[in-house]
Amino acid sequence: MTTNILDNIYLRTLGELLQQARKKCNMTQADAAKIIDAARTTMIAIEKGERRIKVLIIYY
């Protein structure tokens, strides 16, 4: 149970950081999604911490 809670906190924190970075670059969710070859809805889920992302995607 602790692992799930920590995972959720980690995913939400990572999502918030990605959202801040995206906004700092004046990018829309659609722009960011296109870069990682994903749908805008996927980008939304990542930023909300509802979806895991692949390490390769973080590299971009």
C-alpha atoms as a PDB file:
ATOM      1  CA  MET A   1       0.000   0.000   0.000  1.00  0.00           C
ATOM      2  CA  THR A   2       2.805   2.436   0.839  1.00  0.00           C
ATOM      3  CA  THR A   3       4.392   1.845  -2.547  1.00  0.00           C
ATOM      4  CA  ASN A   4       1.168   2.787  -4.330  1.00  0.00           C
ATOM      5  CA  ILE A   5       0.848   6.010  -2.343  1.00  0.00           C
ATOM      6  CA  LEU A   6       4.479   6.925  -3.017  1.00  0.00           C
ATOM      7  CA  ASP A   7       4.075   6.067  -6.700  1.00  0.00           C
ATOM      8  CA  ASN A   8       1.035   8.342  -6.922  1.00  0.00           C
ATOM      9  CA  ILE A   9       2.869  11.205  -5.218  1.00  0.00           C
ATOM     10  CA  TYR A  10       5.848  10.715  -7.526  1.00  0.00           C
ATOM     11  CA  LEU A  11       3.682  10.670 -10.653  1.00  0.00           C
ATOM     12  CA  ARG A  12       1.755  13.788  -9.617  1.00  0.00           C
ATOM     13  CA  THR A  13       4.952  15.649  -8.762  1.00  0.00           C
ATOM     14  CA  LEU A  14       6.576  14.654 -12.044  1.00  0.00           C
ATOM     15  CA  GLY A  15       3.434  15.687 -13.918  1.00  0.00           C
ATOM     16  CA  GLU A  16       3.430  19.094 -12.231  1.00  0.00           C
ATOM     17  CA  LEU A  17       7.098  19.624 -13.077  1.00  0.00           C
ATOM     18  CA  LEU A  18       6.528  18.657 -16.700  1.00  0.00           C
ATOM     19  CA  GLN A  19       3.560  21.016 -16.904  1.00  0.00           C
ATOM     20  CA  GLN A  20       5.611  23.890 -15.462  1.00  0.00           C
ATOM     21  CA  ALA A  21       8.422  23.217 -17.942  1.00  0.00           C
ATOM     22  CA  ARG A  22       5.964  23.051 -20.840  1.00  0.00           C
ATOM     23  CA  LYS A  23       4.351  26.345 -19.866  1.00  0.00           C
ATOM     24  CA  LYS A  24       7.739  27.990 -19.369  1.00  0.00           C
ATOM     25  CA  CYS A  25       8.494  27.102 -23.009  1.00  0.00           C
ATOM     26  CA  ASN A  26       5.114  28.563 -24.070  1.00  0.00           C
ATOM     27  CA  MET A  27       3.996  25.198 -25.404  1.00  0.00           C
ATOM     28  CA  THR A  28       0.484  23.828 -25.490  1.00  0.00           C
ATOM     29  CA  GLN A  29      -0.330  20.297 -24.422  1.00  0.00           C
ATOM     30  CA  ALA A  30      -0.852  19.505 -28.094  1.00  0.00           C
ATOM     31  CA  ASP A  31       2.647  20.805 -28.929  1.00  0.00           C
ATOM     32  CA  ALA A  32       4.236  18.686 -26.205  1.00  0.00           C
ATOM     33  CA  ALA A  33       2.201  15.633 -27.186  1.00  0.00           C
ATOM     34  CA  LYS A  34       3.347  15.957 -30.789  1.00  0.00           C
ATOM     35  CA  ILE A  35       6.996  15.988 -29.688  1.00  0.00           C
ATOM     36  CA  ILE A  36       6.607  12.720 -27.796  1.00  0.00           C
ATOM     37  CA  ASP A  37       4.357  11.241 -30.502  1.00  0.00           C
ATOM     38  CA  ALA A  38       1.340  10.918 -28.232  1.00  0.00           C
ATOM     39  CA  ALA A  39      -2.233  12.165 -28.128  1.00  0.00           C
ATOM     40  CA  ARG A  40      -3.076  15.378 -26.274  1.00  0.00           C
ATOM     41  CA  THR A  41      -5.230  13.318 -23.919  1.00  0.00           C
ATOM     42  CA  THR A  42      -2.137  11.279 -23.038  1.00  0.00           C
ATOM     43  CA  MET A  43      -0.271  14.493 -22.233  1.00  0.00           C
ATOM     44  CA  ILE A  44      -3.126  15.593 -19.996  1.00  0.00           C
ATOM     45  CA  ALA A  45      -3.037  12.266 -18.125  1.00  0.00           C
ATOM     46  CA  ILE A  46       0.745  12.495 -17.700  1.00  0.00           C
ATOM     47  CA  GLU A  47       0.516  16.024 -16.293  1.00  0.00           C
ATOM     48  CA  LYS A  48      -2.228  14.929 -13.882  1.00  0.00           C
ATOM     49  CA  GLY A  49      -0.093  12.024 -12.689  1.00  0.00           C
ATOM     50  CA  GLU A  50      -2.609   9.514 -13.973  1.00  0.00           C
ATOM     51  CA  ARG A  51      -0.299   7.897 -16.499  1.00  0.00           C
ATOM     52  CA  ARG A  52       3.252   6.652 -16.316  1.00  0.00           C
ATOM     53  CA  ILE A  53       5.731   7.800 -18.909  1.00  0.00           C
ATOM     54  CA  LYS A  54       8.605   5.984 -20.513  1.00  0.00           C
ATOM     55  CA  VAL A  55      12.119   7.090 -19.621  1.00  0.00           C
ATOM     56  CA  LEU A  56      12.871   7.620 -23.295  1.00  0.00           C
ATOM     57  CA  ILE A  57      10.134  10.254 -23.452  1.00  0.00           C
ATOM     58  CA  ILE A  58      11.701  12.223 -20.580  1.00  0.00           C
ATOM     59  CA  TYR A  59      14.888  12.492 -22.635  1.00  0.00           C
ATOM     60  CA  TYR A  60      13.175  14.791 -25.130  1.00  0.00           C
END
